[in-house]
């Protein structure tokens, strides 16, 4: 379907029980951020993934030792080309956050995980492990899979945008998500 129709469908999902149940199962800390994420979608960024930028301490069930998990807030998704160009310019001029168009390539040298942006880390026994990360480039078949998953026609002139907060553990609703909403 056309981007505008896929966007309306994405906005509608925020009000469905299935979506809320999935969020509760995946990361219930995101529930408090859903109102601002819905507004972001309403302003034209069809969000695919996001993270709130929290810090969590606990005891590992694997080795019974303390750990600290830290996140960078991030948000990613599709935007029409012209809107994305304007948005990326505003974000990179008027905020302390990072916003990029994810580069599409079929060159394997761009897909090495050591080139990715770390998003979630866990520190245990003075060792830090990268748990999740985001590449700044994607193969075309992955982009097309994301488009299909979100019901966007393969030929739509959209960019895949990735925004992240360089500061660990900064609350997204008052930080990154607020800046994204303001610059849409």
N, C-alpha and C. Protein backbone atom coordinates (compact mmCIF):
# COMPACT_ATOMS: atom_id res chain seq x y z
N UNK A 1 0.83 -1.18 0.00
CA UNK A 1 0.00 0.00 0.00
C UNK A 1 0.87 1.24 0.00
N UNK A 2 0.27 2.35 -0.29
CA UNK A 2 1.00 3.62 -0.30
C UNK A 2 1.42 3.97 1.13
N UNK A 3 2.48 4.78 1.23
CA UNK A 3 3.02 5.13 2.54
C UNK A 3 1.96 5.73 3.45
N UNK A 4 1.16 6.66 2.94
CA UNK A 4 0.16 7.33 3.79
C UNK A 4 -0.84 6.33 4.35
N UNK A 5 -1.19 5.31 3.59
CA UNK A 5 -2.12 4.28 4.08
C UNK A 5 -1.45 3.38 5.12
N UNK A 6 -0.19 3.03 4.87
CA UNK A 6 0.56 2.22 5.84
C UNK A 6 0.74 3.00 7.14
N UNK A 7 0.96 4.30 7.03
CA UNK A 7 1.12 5.14 8.22
C UNK A 7 -0.18 5.17 9.03
N UNK A 8 -1.32 5.31 8.36
CA UNK A 8 -2.60 5.30 9.08
C UNK A 8 -2.83 3.96 9.79
N UNK A 9 -2.44 2.89 9.14
CA UNK A 9 -2.57 1.57 9.75
C UNK A 9 -1.66 1.46 10.99
N UNK A 10 -0.45 2.02 10.90
CA UNK A 10 0.49 2.00 12.02
C UNK A 10 -0.05 2.83 13.19
N UNK A 11 -0.64 3.96 12.90
CA UNK A 11 -1.22 4.81 13.95
C UNK A 11 -2.35 4.07 14.65
N UNK A 12 -3.19 3.41 13.88
CA UNK A 12 -4.32 2.67 14.44
C UNK A 12 -3.85 1.55 15.39
N UNK A 13 -2.72 0.92 15.09
CA UNK A 13 -2.26 -0.22 15.91
C UNK A 13 -2.01 0.18 17.36
N UNK A 14 -1.69 1.45 17.62
CA UNK A 14 -1.42 1.90 18.98
C UNK A 14 -2.64 1.73 19.90
N UNK A 15 -3.82 1.63 19.31
CA UNK A 15 -5.05 1.50 20.09
C UNK A 15 -5.58 0.07 20.16
N UNK A 16 -4.80 -0.89 19.68
CA UNK A 16 -5.28 -2.27 19.68
C UNK A 16 -4.74 -3.04 20.87
N UNK A 17 -5.52 -3.97 21.36
CA UNK A 17 -5.12 -4.83 22.49
C UNK A 17 -3.92 -5.70 22.13
N UNK A 18 -3.88 -6.20 20.89
CA UNK A 18 -2.76 -7.05 20.47
C UNK A 18 -1.43 -6.31 20.59
N UNK A 19 -1.42 -5.06 20.14
CA UNK A 19 -0.20 -4.24 20.19
C UNK A 19 0.21 -4.00 21.64
N UNK A 20 -0.73 -3.62 22.48
CA UNK A 20 -0.43 -3.36 23.89
C UNK A 20 0.08 -4.61 24.58
N UNK A 21 -0.50 -5.75 24.27
CA UNK A 21 -0.05 -7.02 24.85
C UNK A 21 1.37 -7.32 24.42
N UNK A 22 1.67 -7.11 23.14
CA UNK A 22 3.02 -7.36 22.63
C UNK A 22 4.05 -6.47 23.32
N UNK A 23 3.71 -5.18 23.50
CA UNK A 23 4.63 -4.25 24.15
C UNK A 23 4.87 -4.67 25.61
N UNK A 24 3.80 -5.07 26.29
CA UNK A 24 3.94 -5.52 27.68
C UNK A 24 4.89 -6.71 27.77
N UNK A 25 4.81 -7.61 26.80
CA UNK A 25 5.66 -8.81 26.81
C UNK A 25 7.10 -8.49 26.43
N UNK A 26 7.29 -7.59 25.45
CA UNK A 26 8.63 -7.27 24.97
C UNK A 26 9.39 -6.37 25.94
N UNK A 27 8.76 -5.27 26.35
CA UNK A 27 9.42 -4.30 27.22
C UNK A 27 8.35 -3.39 27.81
N UNK A 28 7.83 -3.77 28.98
CA UNK A 28 6.71 -3.01 29.55
C UNK A 28 7.09 -1.59 29.96
N UNK A 29 8.39 -1.28 30.03
CA UNK A 29 8.80 0.10 30.33
C UNK A 29 8.43 1.05 29.19
N UNK A 30 8.18 0.49 28.01
CA UNK A 30 7.81 1.33 26.85
C UNK A 30 6.36 1.80 26.90
N UNK A 31 5.54 1.21 27.75
CA UNK A 31 4.12 1.58 27.82
C UNK A 31 3.94 3.08 28.09
N UNK A 32 4.73 3.65 28.97
CA UNK A 32 4.58 5.07 29.30
C UNK A 32 5.01 5.98 28.14
N UNK A 33 5.73 5.44 27.17
CA UNK A 33 6.20 6.24 26.03
C UNK A 33 5.26 6.15 24.82
N UNK A 34 4.26 5.29 24.89
CA UNK A 34 3.37 5.09 23.74
C UNK A 34 2.64 6.35 23.30
N UNK A 35 2.17 7.22 24.20
CA UNK A 35 1.49 8.44 23.72
C UNK A 35 2.37 9.31 22.82
N UNK A 36 3.63 9.51 23.19
CA UNK A 36 4.50 10.33 22.35
C UNK A 36 4.88 9.59 21.07
N UNK A 37 5.04 8.26 21.14
CA UNK A 37 5.33 7.50 19.93
C UNK A 37 4.16 7.55 18.94
N UNK A 38 2.95 7.53 19.45
CA UNK A 38 1.79 7.65 18.57
C UNK A 38 1.79 9.02 17.89
N UNK A 39 2.11 10.08 18.63
CA UNK A 39 2.17 11.43 18.05
C UNK A 39 3.26 11.50 16.97
N UNK A 40 4.38 10.84 17.21
CA UNK A 40 5.47 10.82 16.22
C UNK A 40 4.98 10.18 14.93
N UNK A 41 4.25 9.08 15.05
CA UNK A 41 3.67 8.44 13.86
C UNK A 41 2.66 9.36 13.19
N UNK A 42 1.84 10.03 13.96
CA UNK A 42 0.85 10.94 13.40
C UNK A 42 1.49 12.09 12.64
N UNK A 43 2.72 12.45 13.00
CA UNK A 43 3.43 13.54 12.31
C UNK A 43 4.24 13.06 11.12
N UNK A 44 4.26 11.72 10.86
CA UNK A 44 4.86 11.28 9.61
C UNK A 44 6.04 10.34 9.67
N UNK A 45 6.48 9.92 10.87
CA UNK A 45 7.53 8.92 10.98
C UNK A 45 6.87 7.60 11.35
N UNK A 46 6.83 6.68 10.40
CA UNK A 46 6.26 5.36 10.65
C UNK A 46 7.33 4.57 11.42
N UNK A 47 7.16 4.47 12.72
CA UNK A 47 8.18 3.86 13.56
C UNK A 47 8.18 2.35 13.43
N UNK A 48 9.37 1.79 13.41
CA UNK A 48 9.51 0.34 13.34
C UNK A 48 10.05 -0.21 14.65
N UNK A 49 11.00 0.48 15.27
CA UNK A 49 11.59 0.06 16.54
C UNK A 49 11.95 1.29 17.34
N UNK A 50 11.94 1.14 18.66
CA UNK A 50 12.39 2.23 19.53
C UNK A 50 12.80 1.66 20.87
N UNK A 51 13.54 2.46 21.62
CA UNK A 51 14.01 2.07 22.94
C UNK A 51 14.08 3.33 23.79
N UNK A 52 13.79 3.21 25.09
CA UNK A 52 13.57 4.37 25.94
C UNK A 52 14.79 4.97 26.62
N UNK A 53 15.91 4.28 26.67
CA UNK A 53 17.09 4.85 27.31
C UNK A 53 17.09 4.70 28.81
N UNK A 54 16.91 3.50 29.29
CA UNK A 54 16.85 3.27 30.73
C UNK A 54 18.11 2.58 31.25
N UNK A 55 18.25 2.58 32.56
CA UNK A 55 19.35 1.89 33.23
C UNK A 55 18.71 0.92 34.22
N UNK A 56 19.26 -0.28 34.27
CA UNK A 56 18.69 -1.31 35.13
C UNK A 56 19.82 -2.08 35.81
N UNK A 57 19.65 -2.30 37.10
CA UNK A 57 20.61 -3.10 37.86
C UNK A 57 19.91 -4.37 38.32
N UNK A 58 20.67 -5.45 38.42
CA UNK A 58 20.07 -6.69 38.88
C UNK A 58 21.11 -7.75 39.17
N UNK A 59 20.60 -8.93 39.46
CA UNK A 59 21.44 -10.11 39.69
C UNK A 59 21.15 -11.09 38.56
N UNK A 60 22.19 -11.54 37.89
CA UNK A 60 22.05 -12.45 36.77
C UNK A 60 21.50 -13.80 37.23
N UNK A 61 20.50 -14.31 36.50
CA UNK A 61 19.98 -15.65 36.79
C UNK A 61 20.93 -16.73 36.26
N UNK A 62 21.86 -16.33 35.42
CA UNK A 62 22.82 -17.29 34.84
C UNK A 62 23.98 -17.58 35.79
N UNK A 63 24.58 -16.50 36.34
CA UNK A 63 25.75 -16.71 37.20
C UNK A 63 25.60 -16.12 38.61
N UNK A 64 24.42 -15.58 38.91
CA UNK A 64 24.11 -15.06 40.25
C UNK A 64 25.02 -13.89 40.66
N UNK A 65 25.52 -13.14 39.67
CA UNK A 65 26.39 -11.98 39.94
C UNK A 65 25.67 -10.70 39.52
N UNK A 66 25.99 -9.57 40.17
CA UNK A 66 25.33 -8.31 39.82
C UNK A 66 25.73 -7.83 38.42
N UNK A 67 24.79 -7.12 37.79
CA UNK A 67 25.05 -6.54 36.48
C UNK A 67 24.38 -5.17 36.41
N UNK A 68 24.83 -4.38 35.44
CA UNK A 68 24.19 -3.11 35.11
C UNK A 68 23.92 -3.12 33.61
N UNK A 69 22.66 -2.92 33.23
CA UNK A 69 22.27 -2.83 31.82
C UNK A 69 21.94 -1.36 31.53
N UNK A 70 22.52 -0.82 30.46
CA UNK A 70 22.30 0.57 30.08
C UNK A 70 21.87 0.66 28.62
N UNK A 71 20.99 1.61 28.36
CA UNK A 71 20.48 1.80 27.00
C UNK A 71 20.71 3.22 26.52
N UNK A 72 20.86 3.34 25.23
CA UNK A 72 20.72 4.62 24.54
C UNK A 72 19.30 4.64 24.00
N UNK A 73 18.61 5.76 24.14
CA UNK A 73 17.31 5.89 23.51
C UNK A 73 17.52 5.92 22.00
N UNK A 74 16.63 5.24 21.27
CA UNK A 74 16.68 5.31 19.81
C UNK A 74 15.27 5.15 19.24
N UNK A 75 15.14 5.57 18.00
CA UNK A 75 13.90 5.39 17.26
C UNK A 75 14.29 5.25 15.80
N UNK A 76 13.60 4.38 15.10
CA UNK A 76 13.87 4.20 13.67
C UNK A 76 12.57 3.94 12.93
N UNK A 77 12.59 4.26 11.65
CA UNK A 77 11.40 4.02 10.84
C UNK A 77 11.47 4.70 9.49
N UNK A 78 10.34 4.68 8.81
CA UNK A 78 10.24 5.19 7.43
C UNK A 78 9.63 6.59 7.39
N UNK A 79 10.13 7.38 6.44
CA UNK A 79 9.58 8.70 6.16
C UNK A 79 9.63 8.95 4.66
N UNK A 80 8.66 9.71 4.13
CA UNK A 80 8.78 10.11 2.73
C UNK A 80 10.07 10.91 2.53
N UNK A 81 10.66 10.77 1.36
CA UNK A 81 11.98 11.34 1.09
C UNK A 81 12.08 12.82 1.47
N UNK A 82 11.20 13.67 0.95
CA UNK A 82 11.31 15.12 1.20
C UNK A 82 11.17 15.45 2.68
N UNK A 83 10.23 14.80 3.34
CA UNK A 83 10.04 15.03 4.78
C UNK A 83 11.28 14.59 5.55
N UNK A 84 11.86 13.47 5.15
CA UNK A 84 13.05 12.96 5.83
C UNK A 84 14.23 13.92 5.69
N UNK A 85 14.41 14.50 4.52
CA UNK A 85 15.52 15.43 4.31
C UNK A 85 15.38 16.63 5.25
N UNK A 86 14.18 17.19 5.31
CA UNK A 86 13.92 18.33 6.20
C UNK A 86 14.12 17.93 7.67
N UNK A 87 13.57 16.79 8.05
CA UNK A 87 13.66 16.31 9.43
C UNK A 87 15.11 16.08 9.84
N UNK A 88 15.89 15.39 9.02
CA UNK A 88 17.28 15.10 9.35
C UNK A 88 18.09 16.38 9.52
N UNK A 89 17.84 17.35 8.66
CA UNK A 89 18.54 18.63 8.78
C UNK A 89 18.21 19.30 10.11
N UNK A 90 16.92 19.38 10.44
CA UNK A 90 16.51 20.02 11.71
C UNK A 90 17.09 19.29 12.91
N UNK A 91 16.99 17.96 12.92
CA UNK A 91 17.50 17.19 14.06
C UNK A 91 19.00 17.42 14.26
N UNK A 92 19.74 17.43 13.17
CA UNK A 92 21.19 17.54 13.28
C UNK A 92 21.67 18.97 13.50
N UNK A 93 20.81 19.96 13.24
CA UNK A 93 21.17 21.36 13.50
C UNK A 93 20.71 21.84 14.87
N UNK A 94 19.56 21.34 15.32
CA UNK A 94 18.92 21.95 16.49
C UNK A 94 18.81 21.05 17.72
N UNK A 95 19.48 19.89 17.71
CA UNK A 95 19.45 19.02 18.88
C UNK A 95 20.86 18.48 19.13
N UNK A 96 21.01 17.85 20.28
CA UNK A 96 22.28 17.17 20.57
C UNK A 96 22.16 15.68 20.30
N UNK A 97 21.14 15.28 19.52
CA UNK A 97 20.91 13.88 19.17
C UNK A 97 21.47 13.62 17.77
N UNK A 98 21.58 12.35 17.42
CA UNK A 98 22.07 11.95 16.10
C UNK A 98 20.91 11.42 15.27
N UNK A 99 20.86 11.82 14.01
CA UNK A 99 19.81 11.37 13.10
C UNK A 99 20.43 11.16 11.72
N UNK A 100 20.19 9.97 11.15
CA UNK A 100 20.79 9.63 9.85
C UNK A 100 19.80 8.89 8.97
N UNK A 101 20.05 8.97 7.69
CA UNK A 101 19.40 8.10 6.72
C UNK A 101 20.25 6.83 6.68
N UNK A 102 19.63 5.69 6.90
CA UNK A 102 20.36 4.43 6.86
C UNK A 102 20.71 4.13 5.41
N UNK A 103 21.99 3.95 5.16
CA UNK A 103 22.53 3.72 3.82
C UNK A 103 22.15 2.32 3.34
N UNK A 104 21.69 2.21 2.12
CA UNK A 104 21.30 0.93 1.53
C UNK A 104 22.40 0.50 0.55
N UNK A 105 22.91 -0.71 0.74
CA UNK A 105 24.02 -1.19 -0.08
C UNK A 105 23.97 -2.71 -0.15
N UNK A 106 24.66 -3.25 -1.12
CA UNK A 106 24.85 -4.69 -1.17
C UNK A 106 26.32 -5.05 -1.04
N UNK A 107 27.13 -4.09 -0.58
CA UNK A 107 28.55 -4.31 -0.39
C UNK A 107 28.77 -4.86 1.03
N UNK A 108 29.22 -6.10 1.16
CA UNK A 108 29.37 -6.73 2.48
C UNK A 108 30.31 -6.01 3.44
N UNK A 109 31.23 -5.19 2.94
CA UNK A 109 32.17 -4.53 3.85
C UNK A 109 31.46 -3.53 4.77
N UNK A 110 30.24 -3.08 4.39
CA UNK A 110 29.49 -2.14 5.22
C UNK A 110 28.68 -2.83 6.31
N UNK A 111 28.61 -4.14 6.33
CA UNK A 111 27.71 -4.85 7.23
C UNK A 111 28.41 -5.49 8.42
N UNK A 112 29.63 -5.13 8.68
CA UNK A 112 30.35 -5.70 9.81
C UNK A 112 29.83 -5.06 11.11
N UNK A 113 29.53 -5.88 12.10
CA UNK A 113 28.93 -5.37 13.33
C UNK A 113 29.86 -4.43 14.09
N UNK A 114 31.16 -4.51 13.87
CA UNK A 114 32.06 -3.58 14.55
C UNK A 114 31.87 -2.13 14.08
N UNK A 115 31.14 -1.94 12.99
CA UNK A 115 30.84 -0.60 12.49
C UNK A 115 29.51 -0.06 13.04
N UNK A 116 28.79 -0.87 13.78
CA UNK A 116 27.46 -0.52 14.28
C UNK A 116 27.51 0.43 15.48
N UNK A 117 26.36 1.04 15.76
CA UNK A 117 26.20 1.91 16.93
C UNK A 117 25.70 1.04 18.09
N UNK A 118 26.46 0.95 19.19
CA UNK A 118 25.97 0.19 20.35
C UNK A 118 24.73 0.89 20.95
N UNK A 119 23.70 0.11 21.27
CA UNK A 119 22.46 0.66 21.82
C UNK A 119 22.16 0.17 23.23
N UNK A 120 22.52 -1.07 23.53
CA UNK A 120 22.32 -1.62 24.86
C UNK A 120 23.60 -2.35 25.27
N UNK A 121 24.07 -2.03 26.47
CA UNK A 121 25.27 -2.69 26.99
C UNK A 121 24.99 -3.26 28.38
N UNK A 122 25.70 -4.31 28.70
CA UNK A 122 25.64 -4.88 30.05
C UNK A 122 27.05 -4.95 30.59
N UNK A 123 27.20 -4.44 31.81
CA UNK A 123 28.50 -4.49 32.49
C UNK A 123 28.38 -5.45 33.67
N UNK A 124 29.31 -6.38 33.72
CA UNK A 124 29.35 -7.36 34.80
C UNK A 124 30.81 -7.74 35.01
N UNK A 125 31.26 -7.79 36.26
CA UNK A 125 32.65 -8.12 36.58
C UNK A 125 33.63 -7.20 35.86
N UNK A 126 33.29 -5.91 35.77
CA UNK A 126 34.12 -4.89 35.12
C UNK A 126 34.34 -5.15 33.62
N UNK A 127 33.48 -5.96 33.02
CA UNK A 127 33.54 -6.21 31.57
C UNK A 127 32.23 -5.73 30.97
N UNK A 128 32.34 -5.03 29.85
CA UNK A 128 31.16 -4.51 29.16
C UNK A 128 30.93 -5.30 27.89
N UNK A 129 29.68 -5.73 27.73
CA UNK A 129 29.28 -6.50 26.56
C UNK A 129 28.20 -5.72 25.81
N UNK A 130 28.32 -5.61 24.49
CA UNK A 130 27.30 -4.96 23.66
C UNK A 130 26.19 -5.98 23.40
N UNK A 131 24.98 -5.66 23.87
CA UNK A 131 23.84 -6.56 23.70
C UNK A 131 23.08 -6.29 22.41
N UNK A 132 22.79 -5.02 22.13
CA UNK A 132 22.11 -4.67 20.88
C UNK A 132 22.85 -3.52 20.21
N UNK A 133 22.74 -3.49 18.90
CA UNK A 133 23.44 -2.47 18.11
C UNK A 133 22.68 -2.24 16.82
N UNK A 134 22.98 -1.13 16.16
CA UNK A 134 22.30 -0.77 14.91
C UNK A 134 23.33 -0.44 13.84
N UNK A 135 23.20 -1.08 12.68
CA UNK A 135 24.09 -0.73 11.57
C UNK A 135 23.64 0.58 10.93
N UNK A 136 24.57 1.29 10.35
CA UNK A 136 24.23 2.50 9.61
C UNK A 136 24.03 2.22 8.13
N UNK A 137 24.09 0.94 7.78
CA UNK A 137 23.79 0.53 6.41
C UNK A 137 23.06 -0.81 6.46
N UNK A 138 22.17 -1.00 5.49
CA UNK A 138 21.40 -2.23 5.40
C UNK A 138 21.42 -2.75 3.96
N UNK A 139 21.36 -4.06 3.79
CA UNK A 139 21.20 -4.61 2.44
C UNK A 139 19.78 -4.30 1.94
N UNK A 140 19.64 -4.17 0.64
CA UNK A 140 18.35 -3.83 0.05
C UNK A 140 17.28 -4.86 0.40
N UNK A 141 17.63 -6.13 0.49
CA UNK A 141 16.62 -7.15 0.78
C UNK A 141 16.08 -6.99 2.21
N UNK A 142 16.88 -6.49 3.14
CA UNK A 142 16.40 -6.25 4.50
C UNK A 142 15.46 -5.04 4.52
N UNK A 143 15.85 -3.99 3.79
CA UNK A 143 14.96 -2.82 3.70
C UNK A 143 13.61 -3.22 3.10
N UNK A 144 13.65 -4.02 2.04
CA UNK A 144 12.40 -4.47 1.42
C UNK A 144 11.58 -5.35 2.36
N UNK A 145 12.26 -6.14 3.18
CA UNK A 145 11.55 -6.96 4.17
C UNK A 145 10.86 -6.06 5.20
N UNK A 146 11.57 -4.98 5.65
CA UNK A 146 10.97 -4.03 6.59
C UNK A 146 9.76 -3.35 5.96
N UNK A 147 9.89 -2.96 4.68
CA UNK A 147 8.76 -2.32 3.99
C UNK A 147 7.57 -3.27 3.94
N UNK A 148 7.83 -4.53 3.59
CA UNK A 148 6.76 -5.52 3.50
C UNK A 148 6.10 -5.73 4.86
N UNK A 149 6.92 -5.82 5.90
CA UNK A 149 6.40 -6.02 7.25
C UNK A 149 5.47 -4.89 7.67
N UNK A 150 5.73 -3.68 7.19
CA UNK A 150 4.93 -2.52 7.56
C UNK A 150 3.98 -2.09 6.45
N UNK A 151 3.80 -2.98 5.47
CA UNK A 151 2.80 -2.83 4.40
C UNK A 151 3.06 -1.64 3.48
N UNK A 152 4.33 -1.28 3.30
CA UNK A 152 4.69 -0.17 2.41
C UNK A 152 5.10 -0.75 1.06
N UNK A 153 4.52 -0.24 -0.02
CA UNK A 153 4.90 -0.67 -1.36
C UNK A 153 6.41 -0.57 -1.55
N UNK A 154 6.95 -1.57 -2.21
CA UNK A 154 8.39 -1.63 -2.46
C UNK A 154 8.90 -0.39 -3.19
N UNK A 155 8.09 0.17 -4.08
CA UNK A 155 8.52 1.31 -4.89
C UNK A 155 8.30 2.68 -4.27
N UNK A 156 7.76 2.74 -3.05
CA UNK A 156 7.52 4.04 -2.41
C UNK A 156 8.84 4.77 -2.17
N UNK A 157 8.84 6.08 -2.39
CA UNK A 157 10.04 6.91 -2.24
C UNK A 157 10.18 7.32 -0.76
N UNK A 158 10.65 6.36 0.05
CA UNK A 158 10.82 6.59 1.48
C UNK A 158 12.27 6.32 1.88
N UNK A 159 12.68 6.95 2.96
CA UNK A 159 13.99 6.69 3.54
C UNK A 159 13.80 5.97 4.87
N UNK A 160 14.78 5.17 5.21
CA UNK A 160 14.78 4.52 6.53
C UNK A 160 15.67 5.37 7.42
N UNK A 161 15.06 5.98 8.43
CA UNK A 161 15.72 6.95 9.29
C UNK A 161 16.01 6.31 10.65
N UNK A 162 17.20 6.60 11.17
CA UNK A 162 17.60 6.10 12.48
C UNK A 162 18.08 7.28 13.32
N UNK A 163 17.51 7.43 14.51
CA UNK A 163 17.89 8.51 15.43
C UNK A 163 18.28 7.89 16.77
N UNK A 164 19.33 8.41 17.39
CA UNK A 164 19.72 7.90 18.69
C UNK A 164 20.31 9.01 19.54
N UNK A 165 20.21 8.79 20.83
CA UNK A 165 20.74 9.72 21.81
C UNK A 165 22.17 9.27 22.15
N UNK A 166 23.17 10.14 22.01
CA UNK A 166 24.53 9.72 22.32
C UNK A 166 24.77 9.54 23.83
N UNK A 167 23.83 10.05 24.64
CA UNK A 167 23.97 9.95 26.10
C UNK A 167 23.25 8.70 26.59
N UNK A 168 23.95 7.86 27.32
CA UNK A 168 23.37 6.65 27.86
C UNK A 168 22.35 6.99 28.94
N UNK A 169 21.25 6.25 28.97
CA UNK A 169 20.25 6.28 30.04
C UNK A 169 19.44 7.57 30.11
N UNK A 170 19.42 8.39 29.08
CA UNK A 170 18.61 9.61 29.12
C UNK A 170 17.20 9.26 28.69
N UNK A 171 16.23 9.66 29.48
CA UNK A 171 14.82 9.34 29.23
C UNK A 171 14.38 9.84 27.86
N UNK A 172 13.82 8.95 27.06
CA UNK A 172 13.46 9.28 25.68
C UNK A 172 12.29 10.24 25.57
N UNK A 173 11.28 10.11 26.42
CA UNK A 173 10.09 10.96 26.28
C UNK A 173 10.42 12.44 26.48
N UNK A 174 11.36 12.74 27.36
CA UNK A 174 11.75 14.14 27.55
C UNK A 174 13.01 14.49 26.76
N UNK A 175 13.62 13.50 26.13
CA UNK A 175 14.84 13.71 25.37
C UNK A 175 14.64 13.45 23.89
N UNK A 176 15.09 12.28 23.43
CA UNK A 176 15.07 11.96 22.01
C UNK A 176 13.67 12.03 21.40
N UNK A 177 12.70 11.36 22.00
CA UNK A 177 11.36 11.33 21.41
C UNK A 177 10.78 12.75 21.33
N UNK A 178 11.01 13.57 22.34
CA UNK A 178 10.52 14.95 22.33
C UNK A 178 11.18 15.74 21.19
N UNK A 179 12.48 15.54 20.99
CA UNK A 179 13.17 16.24 19.90
C UNK A 179 12.69 15.76 18.54
N UNK A 180 12.46 14.47 18.40
CA UNK A 180 11.94 13.94 17.14
C UNK A 180 10.57 14.56 16.85
N UNK A 181 9.68 14.55 17.82
CA UNK A 181 8.34 15.10 17.63
C UNK A 181 8.42 16.59 17.26
N UNK A 182 9.25 17.35 17.95
CA UNK A 182 9.36 18.79 17.71
C UNK A 182 9.89 19.08 16.29
N UNK A 183 10.73 18.21 15.75
CA UNK A 183 11.36 18.47 14.46
C UNK A 183 10.66 17.84 13.27
N UNK A 184 9.54 17.14 13.52
CA UNK A 184 8.78 16.55 12.41
C UNK A 184 7.92 17.60 11.73
